[in-house]
Amino acid sequence: MEDHNSPTSSRLPRRQVLQWFAAAAPVAATGLPALSPARTAPALGTKGYGTDPDLIKEYNPGDVWPLTFTDDQRKTVTALSDIVLPADEYGPAASTVRVHDYLDEWVSAPYPNQQRDRKVFMPGLEKFEAWVKENHSAPFAELSAEQQTAVCEAIATGKEKSLSAFFDKFVMLACGAYYSTMEGWKAIGYVGNIASVTFDGPPPEVLEKVGVEQTVEN
């Protein structure tokens, strides 16, 4: 089995990256406060696919934009993704569906939304790693599951407010990625668009709850 946490693992196919970006974009469009200008990540100089990518062309890794994460950052993001979205009875862990790869592609892409998120994500990731090492004397990926959970709880409950913007952004992007996959769909019971011969309208109990009367005959 391929180790997707390895820096040498295969990169996501270009077509899959575009499809994933499109599916997760509504979630990622949610605005969050940015970090101070002094802590923002440098902008990227790559151009990306342009308005209309050539869907016939076979893009190879590195053709359009280089990835951002270092080996250590990749390990941190993978471990953090699995704490936020662990395997359970509803679906696999985030790393199984390569959420960490999606996040690397997202913050590396030279488009406005991605560049906006990069300014929060990358400085926040660096500060997160430094804070964990200072307080636990080890990288996040090397901590026990209990320690990793305690770190996340400290940030989520406001005990370490300086990391709140990063953590909020991380959770939003990770969840947007995860629940845009088929595994994520199954986890929440979403079946997608299904062809139907007839449409009977909303169930009566729903109409009653919102105070609307059905007046159109089926």
N, C-alpha and C. Protein backbone atom coordinates (compact mmCIF):
# COMPACT_ATOMS: atom_id res chain seq x y z
N MET A 1 0.85 -1.20 0.00
CA MET A 1 0.00 0.00 0.00
C MET A 1 0.88 1.24 0.00
N GLU A 2 0.52 2.23 -0.77
CA GLU A 2 1.32 3.44 -0.87
C GLU A 2 1.19 4.27 0.39
N ASP A 3 2.32 4.79 0.87
CA ASP A 3 2.33 5.67 2.03
C ASP A 3 2.09 7.10 1.57
N HIS A 4 0.86 7.58 1.73
CA HIS A 4 0.53 8.93 1.25
C HIS A 4 1.14 10.01 2.13
N ASN A 5 1.71 9.62 3.27
CA ASN A 5 2.38 10.59 4.11
C ASN A 5 3.81 10.83 3.66
N SER A 6 4.29 9.98 2.78
CA SER A 6 5.66 10.10 2.29
C SER A 6 5.77 11.23 1.28
N PRO A 7 6.85 12.01 1.34
CA PRO A 7 7.03 13.10 0.38
C PRO A 7 7.22 12.61 -1.03
N THR A 8 7.47 11.31 -1.20
CA THR A 8 7.67 10.76 -2.54
C THR A 8 6.41 10.12 -3.09
N SER A 9 5.29 10.18 -2.35
CA SER A 9 4.06 9.57 -2.83
C SER A 9 3.58 10.30 -4.08
N SER A 10 2.78 9.61 -4.89
CA SER A 10 2.32 10.18 -6.15
C SER A 10 1.44 11.39 -5.92
N ARG A 11 1.56 12.36 -6.82
CA ARG A 11 0.76 13.57 -6.72
C ARG A 11 -0.62 13.32 -7.27
N LEU A 12 -1.60 14.06 -6.78
CA LEU A 12 -2.96 13.92 -7.27
C LEU A 12 -3.02 14.26 -8.75
N PRO A 13 -3.81 13.52 -9.53
CA PRO A 13 -3.97 13.83 -10.95
C PRO A 13 -4.54 15.24 -11.14
N ARG A 14 -4.09 15.92 -12.19
CA ARG A 14 -4.53 17.30 -12.43
C ARG A 14 -6.05 17.42 -12.54
N ARG A 15 -6.67 16.51 -13.28
CA ARG A 15 -8.12 16.58 -13.45
C ARG A 15 -8.83 16.43 -12.10
N GLN A 16 -8.31 15.53 -11.26
CA GLN A 16 -8.91 15.34 -9.94
C GLN A 16 -8.77 16.58 -9.08
N VAL A 17 -7.63 17.26 -9.19
CA VAL A 17 -7.42 18.50 -8.42
C VAL A 17 -8.46 19.54 -8.81
N LEU A 18 -8.68 19.73 -10.11
CA LEU A 18 -9.66 20.71 -10.58
C LEU A 18 -11.07 20.36 -10.10
N GLN A 19 -11.42 19.08 -10.20
CA GLN A 19 -12.75 18.65 -9.77
C GLN A 19 -12.93 18.86 -8.28
N TRP A 20 -11.90 18.55 -7.52
CA TRP A 20 -11.95 18.69 -6.06
C TRP A 20 -12.06 20.15 -5.66
N PHE A 21 -11.29 21.00 -6.32
CA PHE A 21 -11.37 22.43 -6.04
C PHE A 21 -12.79 22.94 -6.28
N ALA A 22 -13.38 22.53 -7.39
CA ALA A 22 -14.72 23.00 -7.74
C ALA A 22 -15.75 22.53 -6.72
N ALA A 23 -15.61 21.29 -6.28
CA ALA A 23 -16.58 20.73 -5.33
C ALA A 23 -16.47 21.37 -3.96
N ALA A 24 -15.25 21.70 -3.54
CA ALA A 24 -15.04 22.24 -2.20
C ALA A 24 -15.10 23.76 -2.14
N ALA A 25 -15.15 24.41 -3.28
CA ALA A 25 -15.10 25.88 -3.32
C ALA A 25 -16.17 26.56 -2.48
N PRO A 26 -17.44 26.10 -2.48
CA PRO A 26 -18.45 26.80 -1.68
C PRO A 26 -18.10 26.84 -0.20
N VAL A 27 -17.51 25.76 0.32
CA VAL A 27 -17.12 25.75 1.73
C VAL A 27 -15.94 26.65 1.96
N ALA A 28 -14.96 26.57 1.05
CA ALA A 28 -13.73 27.35 1.22
C ALA A 28 -13.96 28.84 1.06
N ALA A 29 -15.08 29.22 0.45
CA ALA A 29 -15.36 30.64 0.22
C ALA A 29 -15.76 31.37 1.49
N THR A 30 -16.00 30.63 2.58
CA THR A 30 -16.36 31.26 3.84
C THR A 30 -15.21 32.10 4.35
N GLY A 31 -15.46 33.35 4.66
CA GLY A 31 -14.39 34.25 5.10
C GLY A 31 -14.03 34.05 6.55
N LEU A 32 -12.74 34.17 6.87
CA LEU A 32 -12.24 34.13 8.23
C LEU A 32 -11.22 35.24 8.39
N PRO A 33 -11.02 35.74 9.59
CA PRO A 33 -10.05 36.82 9.78
C PRO A 33 -8.65 36.38 9.42
N ALA A 34 -7.91 37.24 8.74
CA ALA A 34 -6.55 36.92 8.34
C ALA A 34 -5.57 37.29 9.44
N LEU A 35 -4.35 36.77 9.32
CA LEU A 35 -3.31 37.12 10.26
C LEU A 35 -2.77 38.49 9.90
N SER A 36 -1.95 39.05 10.76
CA SER A 36 -1.39 40.37 10.50
C SER A 36 -0.50 40.32 9.28
N PRO A 37 -0.34 41.44 8.54
CA PRO A 37 0.46 41.45 7.32
C PRO A 37 1.88 40.96 7.53
N ALA A 38 2.44 41.17 8.72
CA ALA A 38 3.82 40.76 8.96
C ALA A 38 3.97 39.25 8.97
N ARG A 39 2.85 38.52 9.14
CA ARG A 39 2.92 37.08 9.24
C ARG A 39 2.39 36.38 8.00
N THR A 40 2.07 37.11 6.96
CA THR A 40 1.49 36.49 5.78
C THR A 40 2.54 35.79 4.95
N ALA A 41 2.11 34.74 4.23
CA ALA A 41 3.02 33.98 3.38
C ALA A 41 3.24 34.73 2.08
N PRO A 42 4.40 34.58 1.46
CA PRO A 42 4.65 35.27 0.19
C PRO A 42 3.74 34.76 -0.91
N ALA A 43 3.36 35.65 -1.81
CA ALA A 43 2.50 35.28 -2.93
C ALA A 43 3.28 34.42 -3.92
N LEU A 44 2.56 33.65 -4.70
CA LEU A 44 3.19 32.77 -5.67
C LEU A 44 3.25 33.44 -7.03
N GLY A 45 4.26 33.10 -7.81
CA GLY A 45 4.43 33.71 -9.12
C GLY A 45 3.92 32.87 -10.26
N THR A 46 3.46 31.65 -9.98
CA THR A 46 2.98 30.78 -11.04
C THR A 46 1.61 31.24 -11.52
N LYS A 47 1.25 30.87 -12.76
CA LYS A 47 0.03 31.37 -13.38
C LYS A 47 -1.14 30.41 -13.28
N GLY A 48 -0.90 29.14 -13.06
CA GLY A 48 -2.00 28.19 -12.99
C GLY A 48 -2.49 27.77 -14.36
N TYR A 49 -3.70 27.25 -14.41
CA TYR A 49 -4.26 26.75 -15.66
C TYR A 49 -4.83 27.85 -16.54
N GLY A 50 -5.10 28.99 -15.96
CA GLY A 50 -5.81 30.02 -16.70
C GLY A 50 -7.31 29.83 -16.52
N THR A 51 -8.09 30.59 -17.27
CA THR A 51 -9.54 30.52 -17.14
C THR A 51 -10.10 29.18 -17.59
N ASP A 52 -9.55 28.65 -18.66
CA ASP A 52 -10.03 27.38 -19.20
C ASP A 52 -8.87 26.42 -19.40
N PRO A 53 -8.69 25.46 -18.49
CA PRO A 53 -7.60 24.49 -18.66
C PRO A 53 -7.82 23.62 -19.88
N ASP A 54 -6.75 23.20 -20.49
CA ASP A 54 -6.82 22.30 -21.64
C ASP A 54 -7.07 20.90 -21.12
N LEU A 55 -8.32 20.44 -21.22
CA LEU A 55 -8.70 19.14 -20.68
C LEU A 55 -8.18 17.98 -21.50
N ILE A 56 -7.65 18.27 -22.68
CA ILE A 56 -7.07 17.21 -23.51
C ILE A 56 -5.62 16.97 -23.13
N LYS A 57 -4.96 18.03 -22.69
CA LYS A 57 -3.54 17.93 -22.34
C LYS A 57 -3.36 17.11 -21.07
N GLU A 58 -2.29 16.35 -21.03
CA GLU A 58 -1.94 15.59 -19.83
C GLU A 58 -0.92 16.39 -19.03
N TYR A 59 -1.36 16.93 -17.89
CA TYR A 59 -0.48 17.73 -17.05
C TYR A 59 0.34 16.82 -16.15
N ASN A 60 1.62 17.09 -16.05
CA ASN A 60 2.51 16.34 -15.18
C ASN A 60 2.79 17.14 -13.92
N PRO A 61 3.16 16.45 -12.81
CA PRO A 61 3.47 17.18 -11.58
C PRO A 61 4.52 18.26 -11.82
N GLY A 62 4.23 19.47 -11.35
CA GLY A 62 5.17 20.56 -11.51
C GLY A 62 4.97 21.38 -12.77
N ASP A 63 4.11 20.93 -13.69
CA ASP A 63 3.88 21.67 -14.93
C ASP A 63 3.21 23.02 -14.68
N VAL A 64 2.33 23.07 -13.70
CA VAL A 64 1.51 24.25 -13.51
C VAL A 64 1.89 25.02 -12.24
N TRP A 65 2.00 24.33 -11.12
CA TRP A 65 2.48 24.99 -9.90
C TRP A 65 3.17 23.97 -9.00
N PRO A 66 4.22 24.39 -8.31
CA PRO A 66 4.91 23.50 -7.38
C PRO A 66 4.14 23.41 -6.07
N LEU A 67 4.28 22.32 -5.37
CA LEU A 67 3.65 22.17 -4.06
C LEU A 67 4.44 22.94 -3.01
N THR A 68 3.78 23.23 -1.91
CA THR A 68 4.35 24.11 -0.88
C THR A 68 4.92 23.37 0.33
N PHE A 69 4.21 22.35 0.82
CA PHE A 69 4.58 21.74 2.09
C PHE A 69 5.99 21.14 2.06
N THR A 70 6.72 21.34 3.15
CA THR A 70 7.97 20.60 3.37
C THR A 70 7.60 19.20 3.86
N ASP A 71 8.58 18.32 3.96
CA ASP A 71 8.31 16.97 4.45
C ASP A 71 7.70 17.02 5.85
N ASP A 72 8.25 17.85 6.73
CA ASP A 72 7.74 17.94 8.09
C ASP A 72 6.34 18.54 8.13
N GLN A 73 6.09 19.54 7.31
CA GLN A 73 4.75 20.14 7.26
C GLN A 73 3.73 19.13 6.75
N ARG A 74 4.13 18.33 5.80
CA ARG A 74 3.24 17.30 5.26
C ARG A 74 2.85 16.31 6.36
N LYS A 75 3.82 15.92 7.18
CA LYS A 75 3.54 15.00 8.28
C LYS A 75 2.60 15.64 9.30
N THR A 76 2.84 16.91 9.59
CA THR A 76 1.99 17.63 10.55
C THR A 76 0.56 17.72 10.04
N VAL A 77 0.41 18.11 8.78
CA VAL A 77 -0.93 18.28 8.20
C VAL A 77 -1.66 16.94 8.12
N THR A 78 -0.95 15.89 7.79
CA THR A 78 -1.56 14.56 7.72
C THR A 78 -2.08 14.14 9.09
N ALA A 79 -1.24 14.30 10.12
CA ALA A 79 -1.64 13.91 11.47
C ALA A 79 -2.79 14.77 11.98
N LEU A 80 -2.73 16.07 11.72
CA LEU A 80 -3.79 16.97 12.18
C LEU A 80 -5.10 16.68 11.47
N SER A 81 -5.03 16.34 10.19
CA SER A 81 -6.23 15.99 9.44
C SER A 81 -6.93 14.78 10.05
N ASP A 82 -6.14 13.81 10.48
CA ASP A 82 -6.72 12.59 11.05
C ASP A 82 -7.27 12.79 12.45
N ILE A 83 -6.80 13.82 13.16
CA ILE A 83 -7.40 14.14 14.45
C ILE A 83 -8.73 14.86 14.23
N VAL A 84 -8.77 15.74 13.26
CA VAL A 84 -10.01 16.47 12.95
C VAL A 84 -11.05 15.54 12.34
N LEU A 85 -10.61 14.64 11.46
CA LEU A 85 -11.52 13.72 10.76
C LEU A 85 -10.98 12.30 10.87
N PRO A 86 -11.15 11.67 12.04
CA PRO A 86 -10.64 10.31 12.24
C PRO A 86 -11.54 9.27 11.60
N ALA A 87 -11.02 8.08 11.45
CA ALA A 87 -11.84 6.97 10.95
C ALA A 87 -12.88 6.61 12.00
N ASP A 88 -14.09 6.35 11.57
CA ASP A 88 -15.14 5.90 12.49
C ASP A 88 -16.12 5.03 11.72
N GLU A 89 -17.27 4.76 12.33
CA GLU A 89 -18.24 3.88 11.68
C GLU A 89 -18.86 4.50 10.43
N TYR A 90 -18.66 5.80 10.23
CA TYR A 90 -19.26 6.48 9.09
C TYR A 90 -18.33 6.57 7.88
N GLY A 91 -17.04 6.50 8.12
CA GLY A 91 -16.12 6.64 6.99
C GLY A 91 -14.67 6.54 7.40
N PRO A 92 -13.77 6.55 6.42
CA PRO A 92 -12.33 6.44 6.68
C PRO A 92 -11.74 7.74 7.21
N ALA A 93 -10.50 7.66 7.67
CA ALA A 93 -9.79 8.85 8.15
C ALA A 93 -9.47 9.78 6.98
N ALA A 94 -9.20 11.02 7.30
CA ALA A 94 -8.91 12.03 6.28
C ALA A 94 -7.73 11.63 5.40
N SER A 95 -6.70 11.06 6.00
CA SER A 95 -5.51 10.71 5.23
C SER A 95 -5.80 9.63 4.19
N THR A 96 -6.79 8.78 4.47
CA THR A 96 -7.13 7.71 3.53
C THR A 96 -7.64 8.28 2.21
N VAL A 97 -8.36 9.39 2.27
CA VAL A 97 -8.87 10.01 1.04
C VAL A 97 -7.98 11.18 0.61
N ARG A 98 -6.79 11.27 1.20
CA ARG A 98 -5.73 12.20 0.79
C ARG A 98 -6.11 13.67 0.97
N VAL A 99 -6.74 13.96 2.08
CA VAL A 99 -7.07 15.34 2.39
C VAL A 99 -5.81 16.19 2.50
N HIS A 100 -4.74 15.63 3.03
CA HIS A 100 -3.48 16.38 3.15
C HIS A 100 -2.94 16.78 1.78
N ASP A 101 -3.12 15.91 0.78
CA ASP A 101 -2.69 16.25 -0.58
C ASP A 101 -3.53 17.40 -1.13
N TYR A 102 -4.82 17.34 -0.86
CA TYR A 102 -5.70 18.42 -1.30
C TYR A 102 -5.26 19.75 -0.70
N LEU A 103 -4.97 19.75 0.60
CA LEU A 103 -4.58 20.99 1.28
C LEU A 103 -3.28 21.55 0.70
N ASP A 104 -2.35 20.68 0.36
CA ASP A 104 -1.09 21.12 -0.25
C ASP A 104 -1.37 21.75 -1.62
N GLU A 105 -2.22 21.11 -2.40
CA GLU A 105 -2.58 21.66 -3.70
C GLU A 105 -3.30 23.00 -3.54
N TRP A 106 -4.18 23.08 -2.55
CA TRP A 106 -5.00 24.28 -2.37
C TRP A 106 -4.14 25.50 -2.04
N VAL A 107 -3.25 25.37 -1.07
CA VAL A 107 -2.45 26.54 -0.68
C VAL A 107 -1.34 26.83 -1.69
N SER A 108 -1.12 25.92 -2.63
CA SER A 108 -0.08 26.12 -3.65
C SER A 108 -0.63 26.73 -4.93
N ALA A 109 -1.94 26.64 -5.12
CA ALA A 109 -2.56 27.11 -6.37
C ALA A 109 -2.56 28.64 -6.43
N PRO A 110 -2.22 29.22 -7.58
CA PRO A 110 -2.08 30.68 -7.71
C PRO A 110 -3.37 31.39 -8.09
N TYR A 111 -4.47 31.07 -7.42
CA TYR A 111 -5.75 31.71 -7.69
C TYR A 111 -6.16 32.55 -6.48
N PRO A 112 -7.04 33.53 -6.67
CA PRO A 112 -7.37 34.47 -5.59
C PRO A 112 -7.83 33.81 -4.29
N ASN A 113 -8.79 32.88 -4.36
CA ASN A 113 -9.29 32.24 -3.14
C ASN A 113 -8.20 31.45 -2.43
N GLN A 114 -7.43 30.71 -3.22
CA GLN A 114 -6.37 29.90 -2.64
C GLN A 114 -5.27 30.77 -2.05
N GLN A 115 -4.92 31.85 -2.74
CA GLN A 115 -3.89 32.75 -2.23
C GLN A 115 -4.35 33.46 -0.96
N ARG A 116 -5.62 33.77 -0.88
CA ARG A 116 -6.17 34.38 0.34
C ARG A 116 -6.04 33.42 1.51
N ASP A 117 -6.38 32.16 1.29
CA ASP A 117 -6.28 31.17 2.36
C ASP A 117 -4.83 30.87 2.72
N ARG A 118 -3.96 30.94 1.74
CA ARG A 118 -2.53 30.68 1.97
C ARG A 118 -1.97 31.67 3.00
N LYS A 119 -2.44 32.91 2.96
CA LYS A 119 -1.94 33.95 3.86
C LYS A 119 -2.29 33.67 5.31
N VAL A 120 -3.33 32.89 5.54
CA VAL A 120 -3.69 32.48 6.89
C VAL A 120 -3.05 31.13 7.22
N PHE A 121 -3.11 30.22 6.26
CA PHE A 121 -2.74 28.83 6.50
C PHE A 121 -1.24 28.65 6.76
N MET A 122 -0.39 29.15 5.87
CA MET A 122 1.03 28.84 5.97
C MET A 122 1.72 29.47 7.19
N PRO A 123 1.52 30.77 7.47
CA PRO A 123 2.10 31.31 8.70
C PRO A 123 1.53 30.64 9.94
N GLY A 124 0.23 30.30 9.88
CA GLY A 124 -0.40 29.63 11.01
C GLY A 124 0.18 28.24 11.23
N LEU A 125 0.44 27.52 10.14
CA LEU A 125 1.03 26.19 10.25
C LEU A 125 2.42 26.27 10.89
N GLU A 126 3.21 27.23 10.46
CA GLU A 126 4.55 27.40 11.03
C GLU A 126 4.47 27.72 12.52
N LYS A 127 3.55 28.59 12.90
CA LYS A 127 3.39 28.94 14.31
C LYS A 127 2.87 27.75 15.11
N PHE A 128 1.97 26.98 14.52
CA PHE A 128 1.43 25.79 15.17
C PHE A 128 2.55 24.79 15.47
N GLU A 129 3.39 24.53 14.48
CA GLU A 129 4.48 23.58 14.66
C GLU A 129 5.45 24.06 15.74
N ALA A 130 5.76 25.34 15.73
CA ALA A 130 6.68 25.89 16.73
C ALA A 130 6.09 25.80 18.14
N TRP A 131 4.80 26.11 18.25
CA TRP A 131 4.13 26.06 19.56
C TRP A 131 4.09 24.64 20.10
N VAL A 132 3.80 23.68 19.25
CA VAL A 132 3.75 22.28 19.69
C VAL A 132 5.13 21.82 20.17
N LYS A 133 6.16 22.13 19.43
CA LYS A 133 7.52 21.72 19.83
C LYS A 133 7.93 22.38 21.14
N GLU A 134 7.54 23.64 21.31
CA GLU A 134 7.91 24.36 22.53
C GLU A 134 7.21 23.77 23.75
N ASN A 135 5.97 23.33 23.57
CA ASN A 135 5.19 22.84 24.70
C ASN A 135 5.24 21.34 24.90
N HIS A 136 5.66 20.60 23.87
CA HIS A 136 5.67 19.14 23.97
C HIS A 136 7.01 18.52 23.61
N SER A 137 7.97 19.34 23.22
CA SER A 137 9.33 18.88 22.92
C SER A 137 9.38 17.82 21.82
N ALA A 138 8.40 17.86 20.92
CA ALA A 138 8.36 16.91 19.80
C ALA A 138 7.42 17.44 18.74
N PRO A 139 7.62 17.05 17.47
CA PRO A 139 6.70 17.46 16.41
C PRO A 139 5.30 16.88 16.65
N PHE A 140 4.30 17.54 16.12
CA PHE A 140 2.91 17.10 16.31
C PHE A 140 2.71 15.67 15.85
N ALA A 141 3.30 15.31 14.72
CA ALA A 141 3.10 13.97 14.15
C ALA A 141 3.67 12.87 15.04
N GLU A 142 4.59 13.22 15.94
CA GLU A 142 5.22 12.22 16.81
C GLU A 142 4.56 12.13 18.18
N LEU A 143 3.58 12.97 18.44
CA LEU A 143 2.87 12.91 19.72
C LEU A 143 1.90 11.74 19.72
N SER A 144 1.50 11.31 20.91
CA SER A 144 0.48 10.27 21.01
C SER A 144 -0.86 10.85 20.59
N ALA A 145 -1.81 9.97 20.29
CA ALA A 145 -3.14 10.43 19.89
C ALA A 145 -3.77 11.28 20.99
N GLU A 146 -3.53 10.91 22.24
CA GLU A 146 -4.08 11.67 23.36
C GLU A 146 -3.47 13.07 23.42
N GLN A 147 -2.17 13.16 23.20
CA GLN A 147 -1.51 14.47 23.20
C GLN A 147 -1.99 15.33 22.03
N GLN A 148 -2.13 14.71 20.86
CA GLN A 148 -2.60 15.45 19.69
C GLN A 148 -4.01 16.00 19.93
N THR A 149 -4.86 15.18 20.52
CA THR A 149 -6.22 15.62 20.82
C THR A 149 -6.21 16.76 21.82
N ALA A 150 -5.34 16.67 22.83
CA ALA A 150 -5.25 17.72 23.84
C ALA A 150 -4.79 19.04 23.22
N VAL A 151 -3.87 18.97 22.26
CA VAL A 151 -3.41 20.17 21.56
C VAL A 151 -4.58 20.83 20.83
N CYS A 152 -5.33 20.03 20.10
CA CYS A 152 -6.47 20.57 19.34
C CYS A 152 -7.54 21.14 20.26
N GLU A 153 -7.78 20.48 21.38
CA GLU A 153 -8.79 20.97 22.32
C GLU A 153 -8.36 22.30 22.93
N ALA A 154 -7.06 22.44 23.20
CA ALA A 154 -6.56 23.70 23.77
C ALA A 154 -6.79 24.86 22.82
N ILE A 155 -6.62 24.60 21.53
CA ILE A 155 -6.83 25.66 20.53
C ILE A 155 -8.32 25.90 20.31
N ALA A 156 -9.09 24.82 20.18
CA ALA A 156 -10.52 24.93 19.89
C ALA A 156 -11.29 25.61 21.02
N THR A 157 -10.82 25.45 22.25
CA THR A 157 -11.52 26.04 23.40
C THR A 157 -11.01 27.43 23.75
N GLY A 158 -10.07 27.95 22.95
CA GLY A 158 -9.61 29.31 23.14
C GLY A 158 -8.47 29.49 24.11
N LYS A 159 -7.86 28.39 24.57
CA LYS A 159 -6.74 28.51 25.50
C LYS A 159 -5.48 29.02 24.80
N GLU A 160 -5.41 28.80 23.50
CA GLU A 160 -4.28 29.31 22.71
C GLU A 160 -4.86 30.11 21.55
N LYS A 161 -5.29 31.33 21.84
CA LYS A 161 -6.03 32.13 20.87
C LYS A 161 -5.20 32.54 19.66
N SER A 162 -3.88 32.57 19.81
CA SER A 162 -3.04 32.99 18.69
C SER A 162 -3.09 32.02 17.53
N LEU A 163 -3.58 30.80 17.79
CA LEU A 163 -3.67 29.78 16.73
C LEU A 163 -5.10 29.56 16.25
N SER A 164 -6.03 30.34 16.77
CA SER A 164 -7.45 30.11 16.45
C SER A 164 -7.75 30.31 14.97
N ALA A 165 -7.21 31.39 14.37
CA ALA A 165 -7.50 31.66 12.96
C ALA A 165 -6.98 30.53 12.07
N PHE A 166 -5.77 30.06 12.36
CA PHE A 166 -5.22 28.94 11.58
C PHE A 166 -6.06 27.70 11.77
N PHE A 167 -6.40 27.37 13.01
CA PHE A 167 -7.14 26.13 13.27
C PHE A 167 -8.51 26.18 12.62
N ASP A 168 -9.18 27.31 12.71
CA ASP A 168 -10.49 27.45 12.06
C ASP A 168 -10.37 27.25 10.55
N LYS A 169 -9.35 27.86 9.96
CA LYS A 169 -9.14 27.72 8.52
C LYS A 169 -8.81 26.28 8.16
N PHE A 170 -7.99 25.64 8.97
CA PHE A 170 -7.61 24.25 8.71
C PHE A 170 -8.84 23.35 8.73
N VAL A 171 -9.63 23.47 9.78
CA VAL A 171 -10.82 22.62 9.91
C VAL A 171 -11.78 22.86 8.74
N MET A 172 -11.98 24.11 8.37
CA MET A 172 -12.89 24.43 7.27
C MET A 172 -12.42 23.80 5.96
N LEU A 173 -11.13 23.96 5.65
CA LEU A 173 -10.60 23.42 4.40
C LEU A 173 -10.57 21.89 4.42
N ALA A 174 -10.19 21.31 5.55
CA ALA A 174 -10.13 19.85 5.65
C ALA A 174 -11.52 19.24 5.50
N CYS A 175 -12.50 19.83 6.16
CA CYS A 175 -13.87 19.32 6.06
C CYS A 175 -14.42 19.52 4.66
N GLY A 176 -14.12 20.67 4.06
CA GLY A 176 -14.56 20.91 2.69
C GLY A 176 -14.01 19.88 1.74
N ALA A 177 -12.74 19.50 1.95
CA ALA A 177 -12.12 18.49 1.11
C ALA A 177 -12.73 17.12 1.36
N TYR A 178 -12.84 16.75 2.62
CA TYR A 178 -13.32 15.41 2.98
C TYR A 178 -14.75 15.17 2.49
N TYR A 179 -15.62 16.13 2.76
CA TYR A 179 -17.02 15.93 2.41
C TYR A 179 -17.33 16.25 0.94
N SER A 180 -16.27 16.44 0.16
CA SER A 180 -16.43 16.55 -1.29
C SER A 180 -16.04 15.25 -1.98
N THR A 181 -15.65 14.25 -1.19
CA THR A 181 -15.30 12.94 -1.74
C THR A 181 -16.49 11.99 -1.64
N MET A 182 -16.44 10.90 -2.38
CA MET A 182 -17.51 9.92 -2.31
C MET A 182 -17.62 9.34 -0.90
N GLU A 183 -16.46 9.14 -0.24
CA GLU A 183 -16.47 8.62 1.12
C GLU A 183 -17.14 9.61 2.07
N GLY A 184 -16.88 10.90 1.85
CA GLY A 184 -17.52 11.93 2.66
C GLY A 184 -19.02 12.00 2.43
N TRP A 185 -19.42 11.82 1.18
CA TRP A 185 -20.85 11.79 0.87
C TRP A 185 -21.54 10.67 1.65
N LYS A 186 -20.93 9.49 1.63
CA LYS A 186 -21.53 8.35 2.33
C LYS A 186 -21.61 8.62 3.83
N ALA A 187 -20.60 9.31 4.36
CA ALA A 187 -20.56 9.58 5.80
C ALA A 187 -21.75 10.42 6.26
N ILE A 188 -22.22 11.33 5.41
CA ILE A 188 -23.34 12.20 5.80
C ILE A 188 -24.65 11.78 5.13
N GLY A 189 -24.62 10.66 4.40
CA GLY A 189 -25.84 10.16 3.78
C GLY A 189 -26.28 10.91 2.55
N TYR A 190 -25.35 11.63 1.92
CA TYR A 190 -25.69 12.37 0.70
C TYR A 190 -25.57 11.44 -0.50
N VAL A 191 -26.61 11.37 -1.30
CA VAL A 191 -26.61 10.44 -2.43
C VAL A 191 -26.40 11.15 -3.77
N GLY A 192 -26.35 12.48 -3.76
CA GLY A 192 -26.14 13.20 -5.01
C GLY A 192 -27.43 13.37 -5.79
N ASN A 193 -27.30 13.80 -7.02
CA ASN A 193 -28.46 14.01 -7.89
C ASN A 193 -28.93 12.68 -8.46
N ILE A 194 -30.18 12.36 -8.20
CA ILE A 194 -30.76 11.11 -8.68
C ILE A 194 -31.94 11.42 -9.59
N ALA A 195 -31.95 10.81 -10.75
CA ALA A 195 -33.05 11.03 -11.69
C ALA A 195 -34.36 10.50 -11.11
N SER A 196 -35.43 11.26 -11.27
CA SER A 196 -36.73 10.86 -10.75
C SER A 196 -37.80 11.12 -11.80
N VAL A 197 -38.68 10.15 -11.99
CA VAL A 197 -39.75 10.29 -12.98
C VAL A 197 -40.75 11.34 -12.54
N THR A 198 -41.03 11.40 -11.24
CA THR A 198 -41.98 12.37 -10.71
C THR A 198 -41.35 13.12 -9.54
N PHE A 199 -41.95 14.25 -9.20
CA PHE A 199 -41.52 15.01 -8.02
C PHE A 199 -42.75 15.33 -7.20
N ASP A 200 -42.82 14.76 -6.02
CA ASP A 200 -43.99 14.92 -5.17
C ASP A 200 -43.91 16.14 -4.26
N GLY A 201 -42.84 16.89 -4.37
CA GLY A 201 -42.70 18.07 -3.53
C GLY A 201 -42.18 17.72 -2.14
N PRO A 202 -42.00 18.72 -1.30
CA PRO A 202 -41.50 18.48 0.06
C PRO A 202 -42.50 17.66 0.87
N PRO A 203 -42.03 16.88 1.82
CA PRO A 203 -42.94 16.11 2.68
C PRO A 203 -43.86 17.03 3.47
N PRO A 204 -45.08 16.59 3.77
CA PRO A 204 -46.04 17.43 4.50
C PRO A 204 -45.49 17.96 5.82
N GLU A 205 -44.72 17.14 6.54
CA GLU A 205 -44.20 17.58 7.84
C GLU A 205 -43.21 18.74 7.69
N VAL A 206 -42.50 18.77 6.56
CA VAL A 206 -41.56 19.87 6.31
C VAL A 206 -42.33 21.14 6.00
N LEU A 207 -43.35 21.02 5.16
CA LEU A 207 -44.18 22.19 4.82
C LEU A 207 -44.85 22.77 6.07
N GLU A 208 -45.33 21.87 6.93
CA GLU A 208 -45.99 22.32 8.15
C GLU A 208 -45.01 23.05 9.07
N LYS A 209 -43.80 22.55 9.14
CA LYS A 209 -42.80 23.15 10.02
C LYS A 209 -42.44 24.57 9.60
N VAL A 210 -42.38 24.81 8.30
CA VAL A 210 -42.01 26.14 7.81
C VAL A 210 -43.23 27.01 7.53
N GLY A 211 -44.42 26.46 7.75
CA GLY A 211 -45.63 27.24 7.59
C GLY A 211 -46.01 27.52 6.15
N VAL A 212 -45.74 26.56 5.27
CA VAL A 212 -46.05 26.72 3.85
C VAL A 212 -47.10 25.69 3.44
N GLU A 213 -48.05 26.13 2.62
CA GLU A 213 -49.11 25.23 2.16
C GLU A 213 -48.84 24.81 0.72
N GLN A 214 -48.97 23.53 0.45
CA GLN A 214 -48.77 23.02 -0.90
C GLN A 214 -49.99 23.36 -1.74
N THR A 215 -49.80 24.15 -2.79
CA THR A 215 -50.91 24.57 -3.64
C THR A 215 -50.79 24.06 -5.07
N VAL A 216 -49.62 23.53 -5.41
CA VAL A 216 -49.40 23.04 -6.77
C VAL A 216 -49.72 21.55 -6.82
N GLU A 217 -50.56 21.17 -7.78
CA GLU A 217 -50.90 19.76 -7.93
C GLU A 217 -49.76 19.01 -8.60
N ASN A 218 -49.53 17.79 -8.13
CA ASN A 218 -48.46 16.96 -8.70
C ASN A 218 -48.90 16.36 -10.02
